[in-house]
PDB file of N, CA and C in Angstrom:
ATOM      1  N   MET A   1     -68.763 -13.227  19.953  1.00  0.00           N
ATOM      2  CA  MET A   1     -67.694 -12.473  19.328  1.00  0.00           C
ATOM      3  C   MET A   1     -66.717 -13.457  18.690  1.00  0.00           C
ATOM      4  N   PHE A   2     -66.281 -13.115  17.513  1.00  0.00           N
ATOM      5  CA  PHE A   2     -65.335 -13.944  16.773  1.00  0.00           C
ATOM      6  C   PHE A   2     -64.304 -13.016  16.149  1.00  0.00           C
ATOM      7  N   LEU A   3     -63.036 -13.255  16.453  1.00  0.00           N
ATOM      8  CA  LEU A   3     -61.939 -12.471  15.885  1.00  0.00           C
ATOM      9  C   LEU A   3     -60.916 -13.427  15.312  1.00  0.00           C
ATOM     10  N   GLU A   4     -60.322 -13.050  14.191  1.00  0.00           N
ATOM     11  CA  GLU A   4     -59.220 -13.849  13.681  1.00  0.00           C
ATOM     12  C   GLU A   4     -58.279 -12.965  12.878  1.00  0.00           C
ATOM     13  N   GLY A   5     -57.035 -13.416  12.775  1.00  0.00           N
ATOM     14  CA  GLY A   5     -56.061 -12.658  12.016  1.00  0.00           C
ATOM     15  C   GLY A   5     -54.651 -13.127  12.289  1.00  0.00           C
ATOM     16  N   ARG A   6     -53.694 -12.286  11.926  1.00  0.00           N
ATOM     17  CA  ARG A   6     -52.275 -12.573  12.127  1.00  0.00           C
ATOM     18  C   ARG A   6     -51.646 -11.333  12.732  1.00  0.00           C
ATOM     19  N   LEU A   7     -50.891 -11.532  13.802  1.00  0.00           N
ATOM     20  CA  LEU A   7     -50.301 -10.411  14.513  1.00  0.00           C
ATOM     21  C   LEU A   7     -48.834 -10.658  14.815  1.00  0.00           C
ATOM     22  N   GLU A   8     -48.091  -9.561  14.954  1.00  0.00           N
ATOM     23  CA  GLU A   8     -46.739  -9.646  15.481  1.00  0.00           C
ATOM     24  C   GLU A   8     -46.838  -9.742  16.994  1.00  0.00           C
ATOM     25  N   THR A   9     -45.735 -10.094  17.647  1.00  0.00           N
ATOM     26  CA  THR A   9     -45.747 -10.379  19.069  1.00  0.00           C
ATOM     27  C   THR A   9     -46.330  -9.250  19.907  1.00  0.00           C
ATOM     28  N   LEU A  10     -45.882  -8.023  19.729  1.00  0.00           N
ATOM     29  CA  LEU A  10     -46.373  -6.916  20.549  1.00  0.00           C
ATOM     30  C   LEU A  10     -47.867  -6.707  20.338  1.00  0.00           C
ATOM     31  N   ASP A  11     -48.332  -6.820  19.108  1.00  0.00           N
ATOM     32  CA  ASP A  11     -49.760  -6.689  18.838  1.00  0.00           C
ATOM     33  C   ASP A  11     -50.546  -7.835  19.462  1.00  0.00           C
ATOM     34  N   PHE A  12     -49.920  -8.998  19.563  1.00  0.00           N
ATOM     35  CA  PHE A  12     -50.570 -10.138  20.197  1.00  0.00           C
ATOM     36  C   PHE A  12     -50.777  -9.861  21.683  1.00  0.00           C
ATOM     37  N   ILE A  13     -49.800  -9.244  22.325  1.00  0.00           N
ATOM     38  CA  ILE A  13     -49.959  -8.855  23.734  1.00  0.00           C
ATOM     39  C   ILE A  13     -51.106  -7.856  23.861  1.00  0.00           C
ATOM     40  N   THR A  14     -51.226  -6.953  22.913  1.00  0.00           N
ATOM     41  CA  THR A  14     -52.332  -5.988  22.911  1.00  0.00           C
ATOM     42  C   THR A  14     -53.673  -6.709  22.785  1.00  0.00           C
ATOM     43  N   LEU A  15     -53.743  -7.724  21.927  1.00  0.00           N
ATOM     44  CA  LEU A  15     -54.970  -8.508  21.775  1.00  0.00           C
ATOM     45  C   LEU A  15     -55.333  -9.198  23.087  1.00  0.00           C
ATOM     46  N   ILE A  16     -54.359  -9.827  23.725  1.00  0.00           N
ATOM     47  CA  ILE A  16     -54.619 -10.490  24.999  1.00  0.00           C
ATOM     48  C   ILE A  16     -55.105  -9.466  26.025  1.00  0.00           C
ATOM     49  N   SER A  17     -54.486  -8.293  26.036  1.00  0.00           N
ATOM     50  CA  SER A  17     -54.909  -7.230  26.955  1.00  0.00           C
ATOM     51  C   SER A  17     -56.361  -6.845  26.691  1.00  0.00           C
ATOM     52  N   PHE A  18     -56.711  -6.660  25.433  1.00  0.00           N
ATOM     53  CA  PHE A  18     -58.084  -6.308  25.072  1.00  0.00           C
ATOM     54  C   PHE A  18     -59.071  -7.359  25.575  1.00  0.00           C
ATOM     55  N   LEU A  19     -58.769  -8.623  25.338  1.00  0.00           N
ATOM     56  CA  LEU A  19     -59.681  -9.698  25.732  1.00  0.00           C
ATOM     57  C   LEU A  19     -59.830  -9.783  27.249  1.00  0.00           C
ATOM     58  N   THR A  20     -58.728  -9.597  27.971  1.00  0.00           N
ATOM     59  CA  THR A  20     -58.813  -9.709  29.424  1.00  0.00           C
ATOM     60  C   THR A  20     -59.471  -8.480  30.041  1.00  0.00           C
ATOM     61  N   TYR A  21     -59.098  -7.284  29.587  1.00  0.00           N
ATOM     62  CA  TYR A  21     -59.692  -6.069  30.151  1.00  0.00           C
ATOM     63  C   TYR A  21     -61.162  -5.912  29.762  1.00  0.00           C
ATOM     64  N   SER A  22     -61.595  -6.600  28.712  1.00  0.00           N
ATOM     65  CA  SER A  22     -63.002  -6.585  28.306  1.00  0.00           C
ATOM     66  C   SER A  22     -63.800  -7.690  28.990  1.00  0.00           C
ATOM     67  N   ASN A  23     -63.144  -8.418  29.893  1.00  0.00           N
ATOM     68  CA  ASN A  23     -63.779  -9.517  30.641  1.00  0.00           C
ATOM     69  C   ASN A  23     -64.397 -10.574  29.726  1.00  0.00           C
ATOM     70  N   LYS A  24     -63.695 -10.891  28.644  1.00  0.00           N
ATOM     71  CA  LYS A  24     -64.184 -11.903  27.710  1.00  0.00           C
ATOM     72  C   LYS A  24     -63.987 -13.299  28.274  1.00  0.00           C
ATOM     73  N   THR A  25     -64.801 -14.217  27.781  1.00  0.00           N
ATOM     74  CA  THR A  25     -64.688 -15.632  28.100  1.00  0.00           C
ATOM     75  C   THR A  25     -64.663 -16.388  26.781  1.00  0.00           C
ATOM     76  N   GLY A  26     -63.658 -17.227  26.617  1.00  0.00           N
ATOM     77  CA  GLY A  26     -63.568 -18.020  25.402  1.00  0.00           C
ATOM     78  C   GLY A  26     -62.196 -18.626  25.226  1.00  0.00           C
ATOM     79  N   ILE A  27     -61.945 -19.101  24.040  1.00  0.00           N
ATOM     80  CA  ILE A  27     -60.673 -19.738  23.711  1.00  0.00           C
ATOM     81  C   ILE A  27     -60.011 -18.947  22.592  1.00  0.00           C
ATOM     82  N   LEU A  28     -58.753 -18.619  22.803  1.00  0.00           N
ATOM     83  CA  LEU A  28     -57.943 -17.983  21.785  1.00  0.00           C
ATOM     84  C   LEU A  28     -57.082 -19.084  21.170  1.00  0.00           C
ATOM     85  N   GLU A  29     -57.458 -19.500  19.964  1.00  0.00           N
ATOM     86  CA  GLU A  29     -56.702 -20.532  19.260  1.00  0.00           C
ATOM     87  C   GLU A  29     -55.563 -19.847  18.523  1.00  0.00           C
ATOM     88  N   ILE A  30     -54.378 -20.402  18.642  1.00  0.00           N
ATOM     89  CA  ILE A  30     -53.229 -19.815  17.963  1.00  0.00           C
ATOM     90  C   ILE A  30     -52.549 -20.855  17.089  1.00  0.00           C
ATOM     91  N   SER A  31     -51.883 -20.344  16.065  1.00  0.00           N
ATOM     92  CA  SER A  31     -51.133 -21.207  15.169  1.00  0.00           C
ATOM     93  C   SER A  31     -49.822 -20.509  14.828  1.00  0.00           C
ATOM     94  N   ILE A  32     -48.729 -21.227  15.038  1.00  0.00           N
ATOM     95  CA  ILE A  32     -47.402 -20.705  14.735  1.00  0.00           C
ATOM     96  C   ILE A  32     -46.664 -21.790  13.962  1.00  0.00           C
ATOM     97  N   ASN A  33     -46.350 -21.508  12.719  1.00  0.00           N
ATOM     98  CA  ASN A  33     -45.640 -22.483  11.879  1.00  0.00           C
ATOM     99  C   ASN A  33     -46.301 -23.857  11.935  1.00  0.00           C
ATOM    100  N   HIS A  34     -47.609 -23.897  11.815  1.00  0.00           N
ATOM    101  CA  HIS A  34     -48.409 -25.122  11.803  1.00  0.00           C
ATOM    102  C   HIS A  34     -48.468 -25.816  13.156  1.00  0.00           C
ATOM    103  N   ASN A  35     -47.993 -25.195  14.225  1.00  0.00           N
ATOM    104  CA  ASN A  35     -48.153 -25.723  15.575  1.00  0.00           C
ATOM    105  C   ASN A  35     -49.326 -24.999  16.224  1.00  0.00           C
ATOM    106  N   GLU A  36     -50.254 -25.767  16.751  1.00  0.00           N
ATOM    107  CA  GLU A  36     -51.478 -25.202  17.315  1.00  0.00           C
ATOM    108  C   GLU A  36     -51.368 -25.063  18.827  1.00  0.00           C
ATOM    109  N   GLY A  37     -52.066 -24.065  19.347  1.00  0.00           N
ATOM    110  CA  GLY A  37     -52.107 -23.856  20.780  1.00  0.00           C
ATOM    111  C   GLY A  37     -53.426 -23.229  21.190  1.00  0.00           C
ATOM    112  N   LEU A  38     -53.671 -23.204  22.492  1.00  0.00           N
ATOM    113  CA  LEU A  38     -54.915 -22.665  23.034  1.00  0.00           C
ATOM    114  C   LEU A  38     -54.616 -21.792  24.243  1.00  0.00           C
ATOM    115  N   ILE A  39     -55.303 -20.660  24.308  1.00  0.00           N
ATOM    116  CA  ILE A  39     -55.248 -19.795  25.484  1.00  0.00           C
ATOM    117  C   ILE A  39     -56.678 -19.694  25.997  1.00  0.00           C
ATOM    118  N   PHE A  40     -56.901 -20.184  27.210  1.00  0.00           N
ATOM    119  CA  PHE A  40     -58.229 -20.214  27.794  1.00  0.00           C
ATOM    120  C   PHE A  40     -58.421 -18.965  28.656  1.00  0.00           C
ATOM    121  N   ILE A  41     -59.491 -18.238  28.384  1.00  0.00           N
ATOM    122  CA  ILE A  41     -59.785 -17.005  29.121  1.00  0.00           C
ATOM    123  C   ILE A  41     -61.186 -17.144  29.717  1.00  0.00           C
ATOM    124  N   TRP A  42     -61.287 -16.889  31.011  1.00  0.00           N
ATOM    125  CA  TRP A  42     -62.575 -16.985  31.702  1.00  0.00           C
ATOM    126  C   TRP A  42     -62.836 -15.671  32.427  1.00  0.00           C
ATOM    127  N   ASN A  43     -63.838 -14.953  31.989  1.00  0.00           N
ATOM    128  CA  ASN A  43     -64.225 -13.694  32.623  1.00  0.00           C
ATOM    129  C   ASN A  43     -63.036 -12.745  32.766  1.00  0.00           C
ATOM    130  N   GLY A  44     -62.228 -12.671  31.712  1.00  0.00           N
ATOM    131  CA  GLY A  44     -61.098 -11.749  31.695  1.00  0.00           C
ATOM    132  C   GLY A  44     -59.821 -12.268  32.326  1.00  0.00           C
ATOM    133  N   GLU A  45     -59.814 -13.496  32.794  1.00  0.00           N
ATOM    134  CA  GLU A  45     -58.608 -14.065  33.410  1.00  0.00           C
ATOM    135  C   GLU A  45     -58.051 -15.184  32.536  1.00  0.00           C
ATOM    136  N   ILE A  46     -56.760 -15.121  32.273  1.00  0.00           N
ATOM    137  CA  ILE A  46     -56.083 -16.208  31.565  1.00  0.00           C
ATOM    138  C   ILE A  46     -55.891 -17.318  32.593  1.00  0.00           C
ATOM    139  N   TYR A  47     -56.587 -18.432  32.417  1.00  0.00           N
ATOM    140  CA  TYR A  47     -56.495 -19.482  33.429  1.00  0.00           C
ATOM    141  C   TYR A  47     -55.777 -20.726  32.950  1.00  0.00           C
ATOM    142  N   ASN A  48     -55.476 -20.811  31.655  1.00  0.00           N
ATOM    143  CA  ASN A  48     -54.674 -21.927  31.182  1.00  0.00           C
ATOM    144  C   ASN A  48     -54.199 -21.639  29.756  1.00  0.00           C
ATOM    145  N   VAL A  49     -53.062 -22.233  29.408  1.00  0.00           N
ATOM    146  CA  VAL A  49     -52.495 -22.106  28.062  1.00  0.00           C
ATOM    147  C   VAL A  49     -51.887 -23.457  27.708  1.00  0.00           C
ATOM    148  N   TYR A  50     -52.067 -23.852  26.458  1.00  0.00           N
ATOM    149  CA  TYR A  50     -51.425 -25.067  25.962  1.00  0.00           C
ATOM    150  C   TYR A  50     -50.736 -24.739  24.639  1.00  0.00           C
ATOM    151  N   TYR A  51     -49.456 -25.102  24.545  1.00  0.00           N
ATOM    152  CA  TYR A  51     -48.728 -24.960  23.287  1.00  0.00           C
ATOM    153  C   TYR A  51     -47.480 -25.836  23.333  1.00  0.00           C
ATOM    154  N   ASN A  52     -47.237 -26.555  22.254  1.00  0.00           N
ATOM    155  CA  ASN A  52     -46.019 -27.340  22.077  1.00  0.00           C
ATOM    156  C   ASN A  52     -45.767 -28.288  23.256  1.00  0.00           C
ATOM    157  N   ARG A  53     -46.805 -29.000  23.641  1.00  0.00           N
ATOM    158  CA  ARG A  53     -46.763 -29.983  24.733  1.00  0.00           C
ATOM    159  C   ARG A  53     -46.450 -29.371  26.094  1.00  0.00           C
ATOM    160  N   LYS A  54     -46.656 -28.077  26.229  1.00  0.00           N
ATOM    161  CA  LYS A  54     -46.461 -27.400  27.510  1.00  0.00           C
ATOM    162  C   LYS A  54     -47.784 -26.793  27.950  1.00  0.00           C
ATOM    163  N   TRP A  55     -47.930 -26.643  29.263  1.00  0.00           N
ATOM    164  CA  TRP A  55     -49.133 -26.053  29.849  1.00  0.00           C
ATOM    165  C   TRP A  55     -48.754 -24.850  30.700  1.00  0.00           C
ATOM    166  N   GLY A  56     -49.699 -23.969  30.894  1.00  0.00           N
ATOM    167  CA  GLY A  56     -49.537 -22.851  31.820  1.00  0.00           C
ATOM    168  C   GLY A  56     -48.673 -21.734  31.264  1.00  0.00           C
ATOM    169  N   LYS A  57     -48.031 -21.011  32.190  1.00  0.00           N
ATOM    170  CA  LYS A  57     -47.243 -19.850  31.797  1.00  0.00           C
ATOM    171  C   LYS A  57     -46.047 -20.224  30.930  1.00  0.00           C
ATOM    172  N   ASP A  58     -45.472 -21.410  31.121  1.00  0.00           N
ATOM    173  CA  ASP A  58     -44.357 -21.849  30.267  1.00  0.00           C
ATOM    174  C   ASP A  58     -44.792 -21.872  28.806  1.00  0.00           C
ATOM    175  N   ALA A  59     -45.987 -22.365  28.553  1.00  0.00           N
ATOM    176  CA  ALA A  59     -46.509 -22.407  27.183  1.00  0.00           C
ATOM    177  C   ALA A  59     -46.730 -21.002  26.643  1.00  0.00           C
ATOM    178  N   LEU A  60     -47.268 -20.116  27.473  1.00  0.00           N
ATOM    179  CA  LEU A  60     -47.519 -18.747  27.021  1.00  0.00           C
ATOM    180  C   LEU A  60     -46.226 -18.030  26.664  1.00  0.00           C
ATOM    181  N   PHE A  61     -45.206 -18.180  27.488  1.00  0.00           N
ATOM    182  CA  PHE A  61     -43.938 -17.511  27.194  1.00  0.00           C
ATOM    183  C   PHE A  61     -43.256 -18.108  25.975  1.00  0.00           C
ATOM    184  N   GLU A  62     -43.488 -19.377  25.704  1.00  0.00           N
ATOM    185  CA  GLU A  62     -42.936 -19.951  24.474  1.00  0.00           C
ATOM    186  C   GLU A  62     -43.638 -19.360  23.252  1.00  0.00           C
ATOM    187  N   ILE A  63     -44.937 -19.171  23.332  1.00  0.00           N
ATOM    188  CA  ILE A  63     -45.676 -18.556  22.230  1.00  0.00           C
ATOM    189  C   ILE A  63     -45.083 -17.192  21.896  1.00  0.00           C
ATOM    190  N   MET A  64     -44.691 -16.465  22.907  1.00  0.00           N
ATOM    191  CA  MET A  64     -44.222 -15.101  22.717  1.00  0.00           C
ATOM    192  C   MET A  64     -42.840 -15.030  22.065  1.00  0.00           C
ATOM    193  N   LEU A  65     -42.189 -16.154  21.863  1.00  0.00           N
ATOM    194  CA  LEU A  65     -40.877 -16.165  21.217  1.00  0.00           C
ATOM    195  C   LEU A  65     -40.965 -15.982  19.698  1.00  0.00           C
ATOM    196  N   TYR A  66     -42.149 -16.127  19.158  1.00  0.00           N
ATOM    197  CA  TYR A  66     -42.307 -16.109  17.703  1.00  0.00           C
ATOM    198  C   TYR A  66     -42.733 -14.733  17.213  1.00  0.00           C
ATOM    199  N   GLY A  67     -42.317 -14.397  16.006  1.00  0.00           N
ATOM    200  CA  GLY A  67     -42.594 -13.081  15.444  1.00  0.00           C
ATOM    201  C   GLY A  67     -44.013 -12.894  14.957  1.00  0.00           C
ATOM    202  N   TYR A  68     -44.607 -13.932  14.375  1.00  0.00           N
ATOM    203  CA  TYR A  68     -45.956 -13.824  13.850  1.00  0.00           C
ATOM    204  C   TYR A  68     -46.823 -14.934  14.410  1.00  0.00           C
ATOM    205  N   ILE A  69     -48.017 -14.565  14.805  1.00  0.00           N
ATOM    206  CA  ILE A  69     -48.935 -15.505  15.432  1.00  0.00           C
ATOM    207  C   ILE A  69     -50.291 -15.378  14.741  1.00  0.00           C
ATOM    208  N   ASP A  70     -50.775 -16.470  14.169  1.00  0.00           N
ATOM    209  CA  ASP A  70     -52.131 -16.505  13.633  1.00  0.00           C
ATOM    210  C   ASP A  70     -53.067 -16.841  14.790  1.00  0.00           C
ATOM    211  N   PHE A  71     -54.231 -16.207  14.829  1.00  0.00           N
ATOM    212  CA  PHE A  71     -55.121 -16.428  15.960  1.00  0.00           C
ATOM    213  C   PHE A  71     -56.572 -16.451  15.523  1.00  0.00           C
ATOM    214  N   CYS A  72     -57.378 -17.023  16.384  1.00  0.00           N
ATOM    215  CA  CYS A  72     -58.824 -17.023  16.230  1.00  0.00           C
ATOM    216  C   CYS A  72     -59.416 -17.069  17.639  1.00  0.00           C
ATOM    217  N   PHE A  73     -60.179 -16.050  18.016  1.00  0.00           N
ATOM    218  CA  PHE A  73     -60.838 -16.042  19.326  1.00  0.00           C
ATOM    219  C   PHE A  73     -62.292 -16.399  19.136  1.00  0.00           C
ATOM    220  N   ILE A  74     -62.724 -17.392  19.899  1.00  0.00           N
ATOM    221  CA  ILE A  74     -64.117 -17.829  19.856  1.00  0.00           C
ATOM    222  C   ILE A  74     -64.689 -17.646  21.255  1.00  0.00           C
ATOM    223  N   GLU A  75     -65.659 -16.760  21.342  1.00  0.00           N
ATOM    224  CA  GLU A  75     -66.281 -16.487  22.631  1.00  0.00           C
ATOM    225  C   GLU A  75     -67.199 -17.642  23.000  1.00  0.00           C
ATOM    226  N   GLY A  76     -67.168 -18.025  24.273  1.00  0.00           N
ATOM    227  CA  GLY A  76     -68.029 -19.100  24.754  1.00  0.00           C
ATOM    228  C   GLY A  76     -67.551 -19.593  26.098  1.00  0.00           C
ATOM    229  N   ASN A  77     -68.381 -20.365  26.740  1.00  0.00           N
ATOM    230  CA  ASN A  77     -68.082 -20.872  28.080  1.00  0.00           C
ATOM    231  C   ASN A  77     -67.346 -22.197  28.014  1.00  0.00           C
ATOM    232  N   TYR A  78     -66.052 -22.127  27.763  1.00  0.00           N
ATOM    233  CA  TYR A  78     -65.202 -23.313  27.724  1.00  0.00           C
ATOM    234  C   TYR A  78     -64.412 -23.344  29.020  1.00  0.00           C
ATOM    235  N   LYS A  79     -64.817 -24.148  29.933  1.00  0.00           N
ATOM    236  CA  LYS A  79     -64.148 -24.188  31.231  1.00  0.00           C
ATOM    237  C   LYS A  79     -63.375 -25.491  31.335  1.00  0.00           C
ATOM    238  N   GLY A  80     -62.144 -25.404  31.778  1.00  0.00           N
ATOM    239  CA  GLY A  80     -61.301 -26.569  31.977  1.00  0.00           C
ATOM    240  C   GLY A  80     -60.446 -26.368  33.206  1.00  0.00           C
ATOM    241  N   GLU A  81     -59.436 -27.168  33.342  1.00  0.00           N
ATOM    242  CA  GLU A  81     -58.553 -27.097  34.494  1.00  0.00           C
ATOM    243  C   GLU A  81     -57.786 -25.778  34.512  1.00  0.00           C
ATOM    244  N   ARG A  82     -57.731 -25.183  35.681  1.00  0.00           N
ATOM    245  CA  ARG A  82     -56.976 -23.938  35.826  1.00  0.00           C
ATOM    246  C   ARG A  82     -55.540 -24.277  36.208  1.00  0.00           C
ATOM    247  N   ARG A  83     -54.582 -23.754  35.435  1.00  0.00           N
ATOM    248  CA  ARG A  83     -53.167 -23.976  35.717  1.00  0.00           C
ATOM    249  C   ARG A  83     -52.418 -22.672  35.930  1.00  0.00           C
ATOM    250  N   ILE A  84     -53.080 -21.556  35.713  1.00  0.00           N
ATOM    251  CA  ILE A  84     -52.464 -20.250  35.927  1.00  0.00           C
ATOM    252  C   ILE A  84     -53.285 -19.515  36.978  1.00  0.00           C
ATOM    253  N   TRP A  85     -52.620 -19.095  38.047  1.00  0.00           N
ATOM    254  CA  TRP A  85     -53.319 -18.452  39.152  1.00  0.00           C
ATOM    255  C   TRP A  85     -52.979 -16.970  39.275  1.00  0.00           C
ATOM    256  N   ASP A  86     -51.988 -16.496  38.525  1.00  0.00           N
ATOM    257  CA  ASP A  86     -51.664 -15.072  38.542  1.00  0.00           C
ATOM    258  C   ASP A  86     -52.761 -14.289  37.832  1.00  0.00           C
ATOM    259  N   SER A  87     -52.916 -13.031  38.227  1.00  0.00           N
ATOM    260  CA  SER A  87     -53.903 -12.195  37.544  1.00  0.00           C
ATOM    261  C   SER A  87     -53.447 -11.945  36.112  1.00  0.00           C
ATOM    262  N   SER A  88     -54.402 -11.699  35.246  1.00  0.00           N
ATOM    263  CA  SER A  88     -54.071 -11.411  33.846  1.00  0.00           C
ATOM    264  C   SER A  88     -53.209 -10.165  33.748  1.00  0.00           C
ATOM    265  N   GLU A  89     -53.470  -9.187  34.604  1.00  0.00           N
ATOM    266  CA  GLU A  89     -52.661  -7.960  34.591  1.00  0.00           C
ATOM    267  C   GLU A  89     -51.190  -8.273  34.869  1.00  0.00           C
ATOM    268  N   LYS A  90     -50.937  -9.126  35.856  1.00  0.00           N
ATOM    269  CA  LYS A  90     -49.568  -9.512  36.183  1.00  0.00           C
ATOM    270  C   LYS A  90     -48.922 -10.273  35.016  1.00  0.00           C
ATOM    271  N   ILE A  91     -49.673 -11.156  34.402  1.00  0.00           N
ATOM    272  CA  ILE A  91     -49.153 -11.933  33.273  1.00  0.00           C
ATOM    273  C   ILE A  91     -48.796 -11.014  32.116  1.00  0.00           C
ATOM    274  N   ILE A  92     -49.660 -10.072  31.816  1.00  0.00           N
ATOM    275  CA  ILE A  92     -49.409  -9.146  30.707  1.00  0.00           C
ATOM    276  C   ILE A  92     -48.166  -8.314  30.987  1.00  0.00           C
ATOM    277  N   LEU A  93     -48.006  -7.855  32.211  1.00  0.00           N
ATOM    278  CA  LEU A  93     -46.798  -7.093  32.567  1.00  0.00           C
ATOM    279  C   LEU A  93     -45.545  -7.948  32.409  1.00  0.00           C
ATOM    280  N   GLU A  94     -45.615  -9.216  32.800  1.00  0.00           N
ATOM    281  CA  GLU A  94     -44.478 -10.126  32.631  1.00  0.00           C
ATOM    282  C   GLU A  94     -44.167 -10.331  31.145  1.00  0.00           C
ATOM    283  N   LEU A  95     -45.203 -10.468  30.331  1.00  0.00           N
ATOM    284  CA  LEU A  95     -45.005 -10.639  28.885  1.00  0.00           C
ATOM    285  C   LEU A  95     -44.343  -9.413  28.279  1.00  0.00           C
ATOM    286  N   LEU A  96     -44.805  -8.232  28.676  1.00  0.00           N
ATOM    287  CA  LEU A  96     -44.208  -6.991  28.160  1.00  0.00           C
ATOM    288  C   LEU A  96     -42.757  -6.856  28.590  1.00  0.00           C
ATOM    289  N   LYS A  97     -42.464  -7.203  29.832  1.00  0.00           N
ATOM    290  CA  LYS A  97     -41.089  -7.139  30.323  1.00  0.00           C
ATOM    291  C   LYS A  97     -40.198  -8.093  29.530  1.00  0.00           C
ATOM    292  N   ASP A  98     -40.667  -9.313  29.346  1.00  0.00           N
ATOM    293  CA  ASP A  98     -39.908 -10.307  28.587  1.00  0.00           C
ATOM    294  C   ASP A  98     -39.686  -9.831  27.150  1.00  0.00           C
ATOM    295  N   TYR A  99     -40.722  -9.279  26.539  1.00  0.00           N
ATOM    296  CA  TYR A  99     -40.624  -8.766  25.176  1.00  0.00           C
ATOM    297  C   TYR A  99     -39.587  -7.644  25.097  1.00  0.00           C
ATOM    298  N   ASP A 100     -39.657  -6.692  26.022  1.00  0.00           N
ATOM    299  CA  ASP A 100     -38.702  -5.576  26.040  1.00  0.00           C
ATOM    300  C   ASP A 100     -37.265  -6.059  26.227  1.00  0.00           C
ATOM    301  N   GLU A 101     -37.062  -7.032  27.112  1.00  0.00           N
ATOM    302  CA  GLU A 101     -35.718  -7.554  27.355  1.00  0.00           C
ATOM    303  C   GLU A 101     -35.169  -8.249  26.113  1.00  0.00           C
ATOM    304  N   ARG A 102     -36.012  -9.015  25.427  1.00  0.00           N
ATOM    305  CA  ARG A 102     -35.556  -9.685  24.205  1.00  0.00           C
ATOM    306  C   ARG A 102     -35.216  -8.677  23.117  1.00  0.00           C
ATOM    307  N   LYS A 103     -36.029  -7.640  22.972  1.00  0.00           N
ATOM    308  CA  LYS A 103     -35.757  -6.607  21.966  1.00  0.00           C
ATOM    309  C   LYS A 103     -34.469  -5.859  22.288  1.00  0.00           C
ATOM    310  N   ALA A 104     -34.254  -5.545  23.554  1.00  0.00           N
ATOM    311  CA  ALA A 104     -33.031  -4.855  23.949  1.00  0.00           C
ATOM    312  C   ALA A 104     -31.813  -5.725  23.665  1.00  0.00           C
ATOM    313  N   PHE A 105     -31.935  -7.020  23.910  1.00  0.00           N
ATOM    314  CA  PHE A 105     -30.837  -7.946  23.635  1.00  0.00           C
ATOM    315  C   PHE A 105     -30.553  -8.013  22.141  1.00  0.00           C
ATOM    316  N   GLU A 106     -31.619  -8.074  21.338  1.00  0.00           N
ATOM    317  CA  GLU A 106     -31.449  -8.143  19.881  1.00  0.00           C
ATOM    318  C   GLU A 106     -30.786  -6.890  19.327  1.00  0.00           C
ATOM    319  N   LEU A 107     -31.016  -5.750  19.948  1.00  0.00           N
ATOM    320  CA  LEU A 107     -30.494  -4.483  19.472  1.00  0.00           C
ATOM    321  C   LEU A 107     -29.154  -4.081  20.118  1.00  0.00           C
ATOM    322  N   SER A 108     -28.696  -4.886  21.070  1.00  0.00           N
ATOM    323  CA  SER A 108     -27.451  -4.524  21.736  1.00  0.00           C
ATOM    324  C   SER A 108     -26.288  -4.621  20.743  1.00  0.00           C
ATOM    325  N   PRO A 109     -25.248  -3.756  20.901  1.00  0.00           N
ATOM    326  CA  PRO A 109     -24.129  -3.743  19.957  1.00  0.00           C
ATOM    327  C   PRO A 109     -23.411  -5.084  19.825  1.00  0.00           C
ATOM    328  N   ILE A 110     -23.439  -5.872  20.859  1.00  0.00           N
ATOM    329  CA  ILE A 110     -22.759  -7.175  20.820  1.00  0.00           C
ATOM    330  C   ILE A 110     -23.457  -8.102  19.827  1.00  0.00           C
ATOM    331  N   ASN A 111     -24.773  -7.957  19.667  1.00  0.00           N
ATOM    332  CA  ASN A 111     -25.537  -8.864  18.827  1.00  0.00           C
ATOM    333  C   ASN A 111     -25.770  -8.328  17.417  1.00  0.00           C
ATOM    334  N   ILE A 112     -25.243  -7.193  17.096  1.00  0.00           N
ATOM    335  CA  ILE A 112     -25.449  -6.614  15.760  1.00  0.00           C
ATOM    336  C   ILE A 112     -24.373  -7.079  14.820  1.00  0.00           C
TER     337      ILE A 112
END
């Protein structure tokens, strides 16, 4: 399976959800303003992320700060060091919570 495109943040969370709930294995390559990153997925579990010289969940949450994310998912058995031990479901819920909190902050009367 090969997917590529450009998504807004919420749609990117949907893509990650699709890949994990479909038990995919592969690398999700991302590009944001010419900065490259990798999200490693093994049998539906996000087990590592690299972006902007950061690893693990810190890197994933930094990716989510951007409005548009170019991506390319390449299915295959790419196994490396595991740095994320939370379930993908828990990670996705954390991403959605963080996204909702940022949107609420952006829309609050103080910030308008």
